[in-house]
Amino acid sequence: MPTIEEALQQAWTIHQQGNVQGAESIYRQVLAQVPNHPASWCFLGIALHDQRRYQEAEAAYRKSLELQSEFPIALNNLGNTLRYLYRPDEADRCFLEAIRQKPDYVNAYKNRGTLHVWTGKLDTALESYRQALQLSPDDAELHRNLGVLHLLQGDFETGWREYRWRWNCAEAPRISYSQPRWSGQEVRGKTVLLYAEQGLGDTLQFVRFASLVRSLGAYVIVHGPSSLTPLLSQQGVCDEWVPQNLPIIKDFDYHCSLIDVANVLRIDLTSIPRQEAYVCPANHLVSYWSDYFRTLLPARLRVGLVWQGNKDHQ
């Protein structure tokens, strides 16, 4: 029979491998034998949080803390779950108590910073990230988060520099090509591949920068999400649109992320491209929906509202 520690380690291993339900089952088996084991309740809370069962996760963390009040890991995790439950004041108290109990707790500073990005208290968030960075100066996620904050505050020089650290984060592996990465080299007469690295909204925002690369004399290929093909294959900001479900066939000289183009060109608040109507749907779709709504709502003002992008995004 494995010890409690061995069972928890086995569960945590398969948890990290993505088998969260399997890990939850083991955590519950341990608790059936040792119901007053604080660490097991904390592990269970993590498994429940990772399945988006936030209220159950909260209850598991609170049980853990009831059994062991000096437990900064449980406090930090409870704060994170309360953030997802949109209870920011309670979450903040948890992070501060975790930091009181463990003053060098990097993740508690980091999560408190993220909480206050969500609440819009950017100065508080910035201070939390800076405190975390003092403890962990090479943490790529922290530098990336600082980059986002500085960009939000209009400090583009610092923001782009810090945001480049995202390439060192596990969830953002850099796309590899044999051709050199574009970092400002002369591109007149050259072919440049620009690729979307993040979500649909980021692609729609940053595809405008392809036209700036074209204005430098380059032939520009954009490799983007296939679902955006009806919107972006018609417009003139690039010379060639290739959906990401298809390979790049044409030879190119340089490549660059769409977001990094703004960094390379040192875009700031005074130079953000503001060309009009660079996203244009296909003519046949415009005709189809015009006819549809004209039939559905004749002689009425028709206003469309989009209130959500990716429903799975935090």
C-alpha atoms as a PDB file:
ATOM      1  CA  MET A   1       0.000   0.000   0.000  1.00  0.00           C
ATOM      2  CA  PRO A   2       1.385   3.439  -0.926  1.00  0.00           C
ATOM      3  CA  THR A   3       1.754   6.050   1.778  1.00  0.00           C
ATOM      4  CA  ILE A   4      -0.403   9.190   1.701  1.00  0.00           C
ATOM      5  CA  GLU A   5       2.526  11.164   0.314  1.00  0.00           C
ATOM      6  CA  GLU A   6       3.150   8.573  -2.413  1.00  0.00           C
ATOM      7  CA  ALA A   7      -0.529   8.534  -3.380  1.00  0.00           C
ATOM      8  CA  LEU A   8      -0.646  12.337  -3.570  1.00  0.00           C
ATOM      9  CA  GLN A   9       2.530  12.397  -5.643  1.00  0.00           C
ATOM     10  CA  GLN A  10       1.070   9.818  -8.040  1.00  0.00           C
ATOM     11  CA  ALA A  11      -2.124  11.876  -8.329  1.00  0.00           C
ATOM     12  CA  TRP A  12      -0.213  15.121  -8.862  1.00  0.00           C
ATOM     13  CA  THR A  13       1.866  13.495 -11.609  1.00  0.00           C
ATOM     14  CA  ILE A  14      -1.189  12.428 -13.622  1.00  0.00           C
ATOM     15  CA  HIS A  15      -2.850  15.761 -12.787  1.00  0.00           C
ATOM     16  CA  GLN A  16       0.036  17.621 -14.447  1.00  0.00           C
ATOM     17  CA  GLN A  17      -0.179  15.243 -17.404  1.00  0.00           C
ATOM     18  CA  GLY A  18      -3.766  16.422 -17.979  1.00  0.00           C
ATOM     19  CA  ASN A  19      -5.728  13.601 -16.351  1.00  0.00           C
ATOM     20  CA  VAL A  20      -7.433  15.886 -13.843  1.00  0.00           C
ATOM     21  CA  GLN A  21     -10.426  13.623 -13.227  1.00  0.00           C
ATOM     22  CA  GLY A  22      -8.132  10.692 -12.521  1.00  0.00           C
ATOM     23  CA  ALA A  23      -6.189  12.827 -10.066  1.00  0.00           C
ATOM     24  CA  GLU A  24      -9.411  13.963  -8.388  1.00  0.00           C
ATOM     25  CA  SER A  25     -10.388  10.323  -7.881  1.00  0.00           C
ATOM     26  CA  ILE A  26      -7.123   9.589  -6.074  1.00  0.00           C
ATOM     27  CA  TYR A  27      -7.385  12.723  -3.928  1.00  0.00           C
ATOM     28  CA  ARG A  28     -10.860  11.616  -2.863  1.00  0.00           C
ATOM     29  CA  GLN A  29      -9.633   8.096  -2.107  1.00  0.00           C
ATOM     30  CA  VAL A  30      -6.972   9.543   0.177  1.00  0.00           C
ATOM     31  CA  LEU A  31      -9.546  11.760   1.910  1.00  0.00           C
ATOM     32  CA  ALA A  32     -11.846   8.779   2.403  1.00  0.00           C
ATOM     33  CA  GLN A  33      -9.062   7.224   4.472  1.00  0.00           C
ATOM     34  CA  VAL A  34      -7.708  10.400   6.079  1.00  0.00           C
ATOM     35  CA  PRO A  35     -10.527  12.992   6.024  1.00  0.00           C
ATOM     36  CA  ASN A  36      -8.600  15.576   8.051  1.00  0.00           C
ATOM     37  CA  HIS A  37      -5.530  15.799   5.798  1.00  0.00           C
ATOM     38  CA  PRO A  38      -5.103  19.495   4.834  1.00  0.00           C
ATOM     39  CA  ALA A  39      -2.822  18.941   1.826  1.00  0.00           C
ATOM     40  CA  SER A  40      -5.253  16.450   0.281  1.00  0.00           C
ATOM     41  CA  TRP A  41      -8.077  18.985   0.508  1.00  0.00           C
ATOM     42  CA  CYS A  42      -5.812  21.558  -1.139  1.00  0.00           C
ATOM     43  CA  PHE A  43      -4.905  19.167  -3.974  1.00  0.00           C
ATOM     44  CA  LEU A  44      -8.601  18.384  -4.431  1.00  0.00           C
ATOM     45  CA  GLY A  45      -9.322  22.100  -4.645  1.00  0.00           C
ATOM     46  CA  ILE A  46      -6.763  22.463  -7.447  1.00  0.00           C
ATOM     47  CA  ALA A  47      -8.358  19.610  -9.383  1.00  0.00           C
ATOM     48  CA  LEU A  48     -11.821  21.119  -8.977  1.00  0.00           C
ATOM     49  CA  HIS A  49     -10.587  24.567 -10.011  1.00  0.00           C
ATOM     50  CA  ASP A  50      -8.939  23.118 -13.104  1.00  0.00           C
ATOM     51  CA  GLN A  51     -12.327  21.636 -14.054  1.00  0.00           C
ATOM     52  CA  ARG A  52     -13.954  25.059 -13.541  1.00  0.00           C
ATOM     53  CA  ARG A  53     -15.938  23.782 -10.579  1.00  0.00           C
ATOM     54  CA  TYR A  54     -15.053  26.911  -8.686  1.00  0.00           C
ATOM     55  CA  GLN A  55     -17.591  26.772  -5.862  1.00  0.00           C
ATOM     56  CA  GLU A  56     -16.554  23.212  -5.029  1.00  0.00           C
ATOM     57  CA  ALA A  57     -12.910  24.271  -5.205  1.00  0.00           C
ATOM     58  CA  GLU A  58     -13.592  27.112  -2.770  1.00  0.00           C
ATOM     59  CA  ALA A  59     -15.173  24.671  -0.305  1.00  0.00           C
ATOM     60  CA  ALA A  60     -12.178  22.313  -0.569  1.00  0.00           C
ATOM     61  CA  TYR A  61      -9.661  25.116   0.074  1.00  0.00           C
ATOM     62  CA  ARG A  62     -11.664  26.414   3.022  1.00  0.00           C
ATOM     63  CA  LYS A  63     -11.727  22.901   4.510  1.00  0.00           C
ATOM     64  CA  SER A  64      -7.962  22.728   4.090  1.00  0.00           C
ATOM     65  CA  LEU A  65      -7.525  26.071   5.863  1.00  0.00           C
ATOM     66  CA  GLU A  66      -9.948  25.062   8.608  1.00  0.00           C
ATOM     67  CA  LEU A  67      -7.604  22.151   9.339  1.00  0.00           C
ATOM     68  CA  GLN A  68      -4.399  24.190   8.916  1.00  0.00           C
ATOM     69  CA  SER A  69      -4.696  27.975   9.131  1.00  0.00           C
ATOM     70  CA  GLU A  70      -1.028  28.632   8.330  1.00  0.00           C
ATOM     71  CA  PHE A  71      -1.153  27.296   4.772  1.00  0.00           C
ATOM     72  CA  PRO A  72      -0.047  29.936   2.223  1.00  0.00           C
ATOM     73  CA  ILE A  73      -0.448  27.608  -0.779  1.00  0.00           C
ATOM     74  CA  ALA A  74      -4.099  26.981   0.067  1.00  0.00           C
ATOM     75  CA  LEU A  75      -4.653  30.711   0.638  1.00  0.00           C
ATOM     76  CA  ASN A  76      -3.102  31.592  -2.702  1.00  0.00           C
ATOM     77  CA  ASN A  77      -5.173  28.993  -4.525  1.00  0.00           C
ATOM     78  CA  LEU A  78      -8.342  30.094  -2.732  1.00  0.00           C
ATOM     79  CA  GLY A  79      -7.610  33.674  -3.815  1.00  0.00           C
ATOM     80  CA  ASN A  80      -7.257  32.544  -7.405  1.00  0.00           C
ATOM     81  CA  THR A  81     -10.573  30.660  -7.282  1.00  0.00           C
ATOM     82  CA  LEU A  82     -12.327  33.664  -5.705  1.00  0.00           C
ATOM     83  CA  ARG A  83     -10.996  35.778  -8.581  1.00  0.00           C
ATOM     84  CA  TYR A  84     -12.790  33.470 -11.016  1.00  0.00           C
ATOM     85  CA  LEU A  85     -15.909  33.742  -8.863  1.00  0.00           C
ATOM     86  CA  TYR A  86     -15.714  37.564  -9.261  1.00  0.00           C
ATOM     87  CA  ARG A  87     -15.150  38.218  -5.562  1.00  0.00           C
ATOM     88  CA  PRO A  88     -12.075  40.443  -5.792  1.00  0.00           C
ATOM     89  CA  ASP A  89     -12.044  41.839  -2.260  1.00  0.00           C
ATOM     90  CA  GLU A  90     -12.038  38.361  -0.710  1.00  0.00           C
ATOM     91  CA  ALA A  91      -9.417  37.218  -3.215  1.00  0.00           C
ATOM     92  CA  ASP A  92      -7.171  40.149  -2.321  1.00  0.00           C
ATOM     93  CA  ARG A  93      -7.380  39.340   1.386  1.00  0.00           C
ATOM     94  CA  CYS A  94      -6.328  35.760   0.639  1.00  0.00           C
ATOM     95  CA  PHE A  95      -3.297  36.848  -1.367  1.00  0.00           C
ATOM     96  CA  LEU A  96      -2.223  39.344   1.289  1.00  0.00           C
ATOM     97  CA  GLU A  97      -2.538  36.729   4.032  1.00  0.00           C
ATOM     98  CA  ALA A  98      -0.564  34.221   1.936  1.00  0.00           C
ATOM     99  CA  ILE A  99       2.173  36.840   1.537  1.00  0.00           C
ATOM    100  CA  ARG A 100       2.099  37.600   5.269  1.00  0.00           C
ATOM    101  CA  GLN A 101       2.620  33.927   6.007  1.00  0.00           C
ATOM    102  CA  LYS A 102       5.262  33.523   3.282  1.00  0.00           C
ATOM    103  CA  PRO A 103       6.841  36.880   2.329  1.00  0.00           C
ATOM    104  CA  ASP A 104       8.843  35.360  -0.547  1.00  0.00           C
ATOM    105  CA  TYR A 105       5.798  33.717  -2.171  1.00  0.00           C
ATOM    106  CA  VAL A 106       6.209  34.685  -5.839  1.00  0.00           C
ATOM    107  CA  ASN A 107       2.939  33.161  -7.061  1.00  0.00           C
ATOM    108  CA  ALA A 108       0.895  35.054  -4.483  1.00  0.00           C
ATOM    109  CA  TYR A 109       2.365  38.379  -5.667  1.00  0.00           C
ATOM    110  CA  LYS A 110       1.842  37.307  -9.269  1.00  0.00           C
ATOM    111  CA  ASN A 111      -1.784  36.278  -8.737  1.00  0.00           C
ATOM    112  CA  ARG A 112      -2.510  39.452  -6.796  1.00  0.00           C
ATOM    113  CA  GLY A 113      -1.137  41.424  -9.727  1.00  0.00           C
ATOM    114  CA  THR A 114      -3.382  39.558 -12.152  1.00  0.00           C
ATOM    115  CA  LEU A 115      -6.379  40.113  -9.871  1.00  0.00           C
ATOM    116  CA  HIS A 116      -5.852  43.865 -10.022  1.00  0.00           C
ATOM    117  CA  VAL A 117      -5.375  43.863 -13.774  1.00  0.00           C
ATOM    118  CA  TRP A 118      -8.875  42.381 -13.800  1.00  0.00           C
ATOM    119  CA  THR A 119     -10.204  45.019 -11.376  1.00  0.00           C
ATOM    120  CA  GLY A 120      -8.514  47.830 -13.307  1.00  0.00           C
ATOM    121  CA  LYS A 121      -6.239  48.859 -10.431  1.00  0.00           C
ATOM    122  CA  LEU A 122      -3.199  48.922 -12.688  1.00  0.00           C
ATOM    123  CA  ASP A 123      -0.859  50.703 -10.261  1.00  0.00           C
ATOM    124  CA  THR A 124      -1.553  48.059  -7.596  1.00  0.00           C
ATOM    125  CA  ALA A 125      -1.046  45.324 -10.182  1.00  0.00           C
ATOM    126  CA  LEU A 126       2.229  46.882 -11.304  1.00  0.00           C
ATOM    127  CA  GLU A 127       3.528  47.020  -7.746  1.00  0.00           C
ATOM    128  CA  SER A 128       2.608  43.362  -7.130  1.00  0.00           C
ATOM    129  CA  TYR A 129       4.369  42.219 -10.290  1.00  0.00           C
ATOM    130  CA  ARG A 130       7.452  44.277  -9.410  1.00  0.00           C
ATOM    131  CA  GLN A 131       7.571  42.726  -5.947  1.00  0.00           C
ATOM    132  CA  ALA A 132       7.353  39.278  -7.531  1.00  0.00           C
ATOM    133  CA  LEU A 133      10.084  40.165 -10.015  1.00  0.00           C
ATOM    134  CA  GLN A 134      12.440  41.152  -7.199  1.00  0.00           C
ATOM    135  CA  LEU A 135      12.071  37.583  -5.926  1.00  0.00           C
ATOM    136  CA  SER A 136      12.208  35.934  -9.346  1.00  0.00           C
ATOM    137  CA  PRO A 137      13.980  38.263 -11.803  1.00  0.00           C
ATOM    138  CA  ASP A 138      14.036  35.768 -14.697  1.00  0.00           C
ATOM    139  CA  ASP A 139      10.351  34.774 -14.553  1.00  0.00           C
ATOM    140  CA  ALA A 140       9.201  35.096 -18.173  1.00  0.00           C
ATOM    141  CA  GLU A 141       5.498  35.192 -17.270  1.00  0.00           C
ATOM    142  CA  LEU A 142       6.077  38.102 -14.904  1.00  0.00           C
ATOM    143  CA  HIS A 143       7.990  40.071 -17.516  1.00  0.00           C
ATOM    144  CA  ARG A 144       5.233  39.377 -20.056  1.00  0.00           C
ATOM    145  CA  ASN A 145       2.564  40.531 -17.614  1.00  0.00           C
ATOM    146  CA  LEU A 146       4.549  43.686 -16.896  1.00  0.00           C
ATOM    147  CA  GLY A 147       4.729  44.269 -20.637  1.00  0.00           C
ATOM    148  CA  VAL A 148       0.952  44.109 -20.937  1.00  0.00           C
ATOM    149  CA  LEU A 149       0.578  46.568 -18.051  1.00  0.00           C
ATOM    150  CA  HIS A 150       3.015  49.075 -19.508  1.00  0.00           C
ATOM    151  CA  LEU A 151       1.284  48.844 -22.886  1.00  0.00           C
ATOM    152  CA  LEU A 152      -2.064  49.463 -21.190  1.00  0.00           C
ATOM    153  CA  GLN A 153      -0.588  52.539 -19.528  1.00  0.00           C
ATOM    154  CA  GLY A 154       0.808  53.871 -22.805  1.00  0.00           C
ATOM    155  CA  ASP A 155       4.483  53.201 -22.026  1.00  0.00           C
ATOM    156  CA  PHE A 156       5.130  51.399 -25.292  1.00  0.00           C
ATOM    157  CA  GLU A 157       8.937  51.382 -25.132  1.00  0.00           C
ATOM    158  CA  THR A 158       8.989  49.490 -21.837  1.00  0.00           C
ATOM    159  CA  GLY A 159       5.868  47.532 -22.765  1.00  0.00           C
ATOM    160  CA  TRP A 160       7.234  46.032 -25.992  1.00  0.00           C
ATOM    161  CA  ARG A 161      10.574  45.223 -24.354  1.00  0.00           C
ATOM    162  CA  GLU A 162       8.921  43.353 -21.487  1.00  0.00           C
ATOM    163  CA  TYR A 163       6.268  41.728 -23.667  1.00  0.00           C
ATOM    164  CA  ARG A 164       8.985  40.044 -25.748  1.00  0.00           C
ATOM    165  CA  TRP A 165       9.491  37.725 -22.768  1.00  0.00           C
ATOM    166  CA  ARG A 166       6.261  35.946 -23.774  1.00  0.00           C
ATOM    167  CA  TRP A 167       8.304  33.860 -26.197  1.00  0.00           C
ATOM    168  CA  ASN A 168       9.959  32.225 -23.191  1.00  0.00           C
ATOM    169  CA  CYS A 169       6.602  31.204 -21.680  1.00  0.00           C
ATOM    170  CA  ALA A 170       5.627  27.566 -22.055  1.00  0.00           C
ATOM    171  CA  GLU A 171       2.251  28.374 -23.645  1.00  0.00           C
ATOM    172  CA  ALA A 172       3.748  30.588 -26.361  1.00  0.00           C
ATOM    173  CA  PRO A 173       6.399  28.609 -28.223  1.00  0.00           C
ATOM    174  CA  ARG A 174       8.004  30.619 -30.998  1.00  0.00           C
ATOM    175  CA  ILE A 175       7.281  29.389 -34.507  1.00  0.00           C
ATOM    176  CA  SER A 176      10.478  28.159 -36.124  1.00  0.00           C
ATOM    177  CA  TYR A 177      11.433  28.765 -39.756  1.00  0.00           C
ATOM    178  CA  SER A 178      14.754  28.355 -41.526  1.00  0.00           C
ATOM    179  CA  GLN A 179      14.496  31.925 -42.837  1.00  0.00           C
ATOM    180  CA  PRO A 180      15.666  34.757 -40.547  1.00  0.00           C
ATOM    181  CA  ARG A 181      13.262  36.572 -38.250  1.00  0.00           C
ATOM    182  CA  TRP A 182      12.491  40.113 -39.363  1.00  0.00           C
ATOM    183  CA  SER A 183      13.834  42.603 -36.866  1.00  0.00           C
ATOM    184  CA  GLY A 184      13.966  45.727 -39.010  1.00  0.00           C
ATOM    185  CA  GLN A 185      16.146  44.645 -41.951  1.00  0.00           C
ATOM    186  CA  GLU A 186      15.607  46.305 -45.357  1.00  0.00           C
ATOM    187  CA  VAL A 187      12.645  44.523 -46.991  1.00  0.00           C
ATOM    188  CA  ARG A 188      12.180  46.403 -50.255  1.00  0.00           C
ATOM    189  CA  GLY A 189      11.774  43.754 -52.960  1.00  0.00           C
ATOM    190  CA  LYS A 190      11.642  40.994 -50.333  1.00  0.00           C
ATOM    191  CA  THR A 191       8.825  38.653 -49.301  1.00  0.00           C
ATOM    192  CA  VAL A 192       7.839  38.766 -45.627  1.00  0.00           C
ATOM    193  CA  LEU A 193       5.671  36.181 -43.870  1.00  0.00           C
ATOM    194  CA  LEU A 194       3.611  37.559 -40.985  1.00  0.00           C
ATOM    195  CA  TYR A 195       1.804  35.047 -38.790  1.00  0.00           C
ATOM    196  CA  ALA A 196      -0.919  35.256 -36.167  1.00  0.00           C
ATOM    197  CA  GLU A 197       0.350  34.011 -32.824  1.00  0.00           C
ATOM    198  CA  GLN A 198      -2.661  34.470 -30.553  1.00  0.00           C
ATOM    199  CA  GLY A 199      -6.462  34.710 -30.738  1.00  0.00           C
ATOM    200  CA  LEU A 200      -8.919  35.994 -33.305  1.00  0.00           C
ATOM    201  CA  GLY A 201      -9.221  39.414 -31.694  1.00  0.00           C
ATOM    202  CA  ASP A 202      -5.465  39.915 -31.674  1.00  0.00           C
ATOM    203  CA  THR A 203      -5.318  38.949 -35.341  1.00  0.00           C
ATOM    204  CA  LEU A 204      -8.060  41.422 -36.253  1.00  0.00           C
ATOM    205  CA  GLN A 205      -6.289  44.173 -34.311  1.00  0.00           C
ATOM    206  CA  PHE A 206      -2.746  43.558 -35.518  1.00  0.00           C
ATOM    207  CA  VAL A 207      -3.347  42.597 -39.159  1.00  0.00           C
ATOM    208  CA  ARG A 208      -3.419  46.345 -39.868  1.00  0.00           C
ATOM    209  CA  PHE A 209       0.365  46.357 -39.397  1.00  0.00           C
ATOM    210  CA  ALA A 210       0.794  44.217 -42.506  1.00  0.00           C
ATOM    211  CA  SER A 211       0.058  47.291 -44.604  1.00  0.00           C
ATOM    212  CA  LEU A 212       2.951  49.115 -42.924  1.00  0.00           C
ATOM    213  CA  VAL A 213       5.323  46.350 -43.956  1.00  0.00           C
ATOM    214  CA  ARG A 214       3.920  46.577 -47.498  1.00  0.00           C
ATOM    215  CA  SER A 215       4.591  50.302 -47.479  1.00  0.00           C
ATOM    216  CA  LEU A 216       8.274  49.472 -46.957  1.00  0.00           C
ATOM    217  CA  GLY A 217       8.274  47.771 -50.360  1.00  0.00           C
ATOM    218  CA  ALA A 218       7.776  44.163 -49.251  1.00  0.00           C
ATOM    219  CA  TYR A 219       5.471  41.500 -50.643  1.00  0.00           C
ATOM    220  CA  VAL A 220       3.517  40.474 -47.542  1.00  0.00           C
ATOM    221  CA  ILE A 221       1.957  37.078 -46.813  1.00  0.00           C
ATOM    222  CA  VAL A 222      -0.266  36.772 -43.752  1.00  0.00           C
ATOM    223  CA  HIS A 223      -0.768  33.310 -42.230  1.00  0.00           C
ATOM    224  CA  GLY A 224      -3.842  33.532 -40.000  1.00  0.00           C
ATOM    225  CA  PRO A 225      -6.764  31.619 -38.473  1.00  0.00           C
ATOM    226  CA  SER A 226      -8.866  29.891 -41.120  1.00  0.00           C
ATOM    227  CA  SER A 227     -12.092  31.128 -39.495  1.00  0.00           C
ATOM    228  CA  LEU A 228     -11.088  34.699 -40.391  1.00  0.00           C
ATOM    229  CA  THR A 229     -10.638  33.918 -44.087  1.00  0.00           C
ATOM    230  CA  PRO A 230     -14.050  35.389 -45.091  1.00  0.00           C
ATOM    231  CA  LEU A 231     -13.068  38.689 -43.415  1.00  0.00           C
ATOM    232  CA  LEU A 232      -9.382  39.028 -44.177  1.00  0.00           C
ATOM    233  CA  SER A 233      -8.840  37.380 -47.533  1.00  0.00           C
ATOM    234  CA  GLN A 234     -10.752  40.215 -49.248  1.00  0.00           C
ATOM    235  CA  GLN A 235      -8.938  43.229 -47.860  1.00  0.00           C
ATOM    236  CA  GLY A 236      -5.871  44.956 -49.186  1.00  0.00           C
ATOM    237  CA  VAL A 237      -3.600  45.167 -46.154  1.00  0.00           C
ATOM    238  CA  CYS A 238      -1.547  42.202 -47.394  1.00  0.00           C
ATOM    239  CA  ASP A 239      -0.624  40.748 -50.764  1.00  0.00           C
ATOM    240  CA  GLU A 240      -1.580  37.179 -49.914  1.00  0.00           C
ATOM    241  CA  TRP A 241      -3.709  35.597 -47.190  1.00  0.00           C
ATOM    242  CA  VAL A 242      -3.056  31.937 -46.261  1.00  0.00           C
ATOM    243  CA  PRO A 243      -5.305  30.184 -43.705  1.00  0.00           C
ATOM    244  CA  GLN A 244      -3.379  28.421 -40.949  1.00  0.00           C
ATOM    245  CA  ASN A 245      -4.874  25.057 -41.909  1.00  0.00           C
ATOM    246  CA  LEU A 246      -2.852  25.292 -45.139  1.00  0.00           C
ATOM    247  CA  PRO A 247       0.957  25.299 -45.464  1.00  0.00           C
ATOM    248  CA  ILE A 248       3.021  28.207 -46.732  1.00  0.00           C
ATOM    249  CA  ILE A 249       4.048  27.301 -50.283  1.00  0.00           C
ATOM    250  CA  LYS A 250       5.566  30.518 -51.555  1.00  0.00           C
ATOM    251  CA  ASP A 251       9.186  31.219 -50.662  1.00  0.00           C
ATOM    252  CA  PHE A 252       9.784  34.112 -48.296  1.00  0.00           C
ATOM    253  CA  ASP A 253      12.823  35.995 -47.048  1.00  0.00           C
ATOM    254  CA  TYR A 254      11.826  36.963 -43.513  1.00  0.00           C
ATOM    255  CA  HIS A 255       9.142  36.075 -40.999  1.00  0.00           C
ATOM    256  CA  CYS A 256       7.632  37.897 -38.036  1.00  0.00           C
ATOM    257  CA  SER A 257       4.668  37.678 -35.679  1.00  0.00           C
ATOM    258  CA  LEU A 258       1.933  40.217 -36.464  1.00  0.00           C
ATOM    259  CA  ILE A 259       2.244  41.534 -32.916  1.00  0.00           C
ATOM    260  CA  ASP A 260       6.009  41.808 -33.152  1.00  0.00           C
ATOM    261  CA  VAL A 261       5.676  44.028 -36.228  1.00  0.00           C
ATOM    262  CA  ALA A 262       4.433  46.774 -33.900  1.00  0.00           C
ATOM    263  CA  ASN A 263       7.475  46.190 -31.726  1.00  0.00           C
ATOM    264  CA  VAL A 264       9.939  46.198 -34.650  1.00  0.00           C
ATOM    265  CA  LEU A 265       8.440  49.419 -36.021  1.00  0.00           C
ATOM    266  CA  ARG A 266       8.511  50.986 -32.531  1.00  0.00           C
ATOM    267  CA  ILE A 267       4.822  51.835 -32.625  1.00  0.00           C
ATOM    268  CA  ASP A 268       3.632  54.121 -29.840  1.00  0.00           C
ATOM    269  CA  LEU A 269       0.478  56.084 -29.062  1.00  0.00           C
ATOM    270  CA  THR A 270       1.284  58.628 -31.762  1.00  0.00           C
ATOM    271  CA  SER A 271       1.844  56.131 -34.596  1.00  0.00           C
ATOM    272  CA  ILE A 272      -0.833  53.443 -34.291  1.00  0.00           C
ATOM    273  CA  PRO A 273      -2.186  52.906 -37.832  1.00  0.00           C
ATOM    274  CA  ARG A 274      -5.706  54.277 -38.157  1.00  0.00           C
ATOM    275  CA  GLN A 275      -6.649  53.412 -41.696  1.00  0.00           C
ATOM    276  CA  GLU A 276     -10.396  52.915 -42.117  1.00  0.00           C
ATOM    277  CA  ALA A 277     -12.215  49.719 -43.059  1.00  0.00           C
ATOM    278  CA  TYR A 278      -9.285  47.354 -43.257  1.00  0.00           C
ATOM    279  CA  VAL A 279     -11.579  44.418 -42.367  1.00  0.00           C
ATOM    280  CA  CYS A 280     -13.949  43.809 -45.273  1.00  0.00           C
ATOM    281  CA  PRO A 281     -16.305  40.837 -45.608  1.00  0.00           C
ATOM    282  CA  ALA A 282     -16.714  39.082 -48.929  1.00  0.00           C
ATOM    283  CA  ASN A 283     -19.182  40.760 -51.291  1.00  0.00           C
ATOM    284  CA  HIS A 284     -21.363  37.648 -51.584  1.00  0.00           C
ATOM    285  CA  LEU A 285     -21.750  37.529 -47.778  1.00  0.00           C
ATOM    286  CA  VAL A 286     -22.693  41.200 -47.654  1.00  0.00           C
ATOM    287  CA  SER A 287     -25.333  40.600 -50.336  1.00  0.00           C
ATOM    288  CA  TYR A 288     -26.686  37.492 -48.625  1.00  0.00           C
ATOM    289  CA  TRP A 289     -27.097  39.081 -45.200  1.00  0.00           C
ATOM    290  CA  SER A 290     -28.438  42.341 -46.624  1.00  0.00           C
ATOM    291  CA  ASP A 291     -31.185  40.414 -48.376  1.00  0.00           C
ATOM    292  CA  TYR A 292     -31.842  38.300 -45.294  1.00  0.00           C
ATOM    293  CA  PHE A 293     -32.282  41.234 -42.917  1.00  0.00           C
ATOM    294  CA  ARG A 294     -34.203  43.281 -45.458  1.00  0.00           C
ATOM    295  CA  THR A 295     -36.751  40.466 -45.537  1.00  0.00           C
ATOM    296  CA  LEU A 296     -36.702  39.917 -41.793  1.00  0.00           C
ATOM    297  CA  LEU A 297     -36.850  43.570 -40.750  1.00  0.00           C
ATOM    298  CA  PRO A 298     -37.957  45.740 -43.663  1.00  0.00           C
ATOM    299  CA  ALA A 299     -37.555  49.499 -43.343  1.00  0.00           C
ATOM    300  CA  ARG A 300     -36.035  49.283 -39.875  1.00  0.00           C
ATOM    301  CA  LEU A 301     -32.754  50.495 -38.489  1.00  0.00           C
ATOM    302  CA  ARG A 302     -30.684  47.358 -37.939  1.00  0.00           C
ATOM    303  CA  VAL A 303     -27.888  47.445 -35.332  1.00  0.00           C
ATOM    304  CA  GLY A 304     -25.722  44.415 -34.581  1.00  0.00           C
ATOM    305  CA  LEU A 305     -24.007  44.023 -31.211  1.00  0.00           C
ATOM    306  CA  VAL A 306     -21.068  41.709 -30.523  1.00  0.00           C
ATOM    307  CA  TRP A 307     -20.573  41.247 -26.795  1.00  0.00           C
ATOM    308  CA  GLN A 308     -18.338  38.191 -26.565  1.00  0.00           C
ATOM    309  CA  GLY A 309     -15.367  36.674 -28.315  1.00  0.00           C
ATOM    310  CA  ASN A 310     -13.980  33.293 -27.263  1.00  0.00           C
ATOM    311  CA  LYS A 311     -16.340  32.077 -24.537  1.00  0.00           C
ATOM    312  CA  ASP A 312     -13.575  29.844 -23.126  1.00  0.00           C
ATOM    313  CA  HIS A 313     -11.148  32.714 -22.540  1.00  0.00           C
ATOM    314  CA  GLN A 314     -10.705  33.650 -18.892  1.00  0.00           C
END
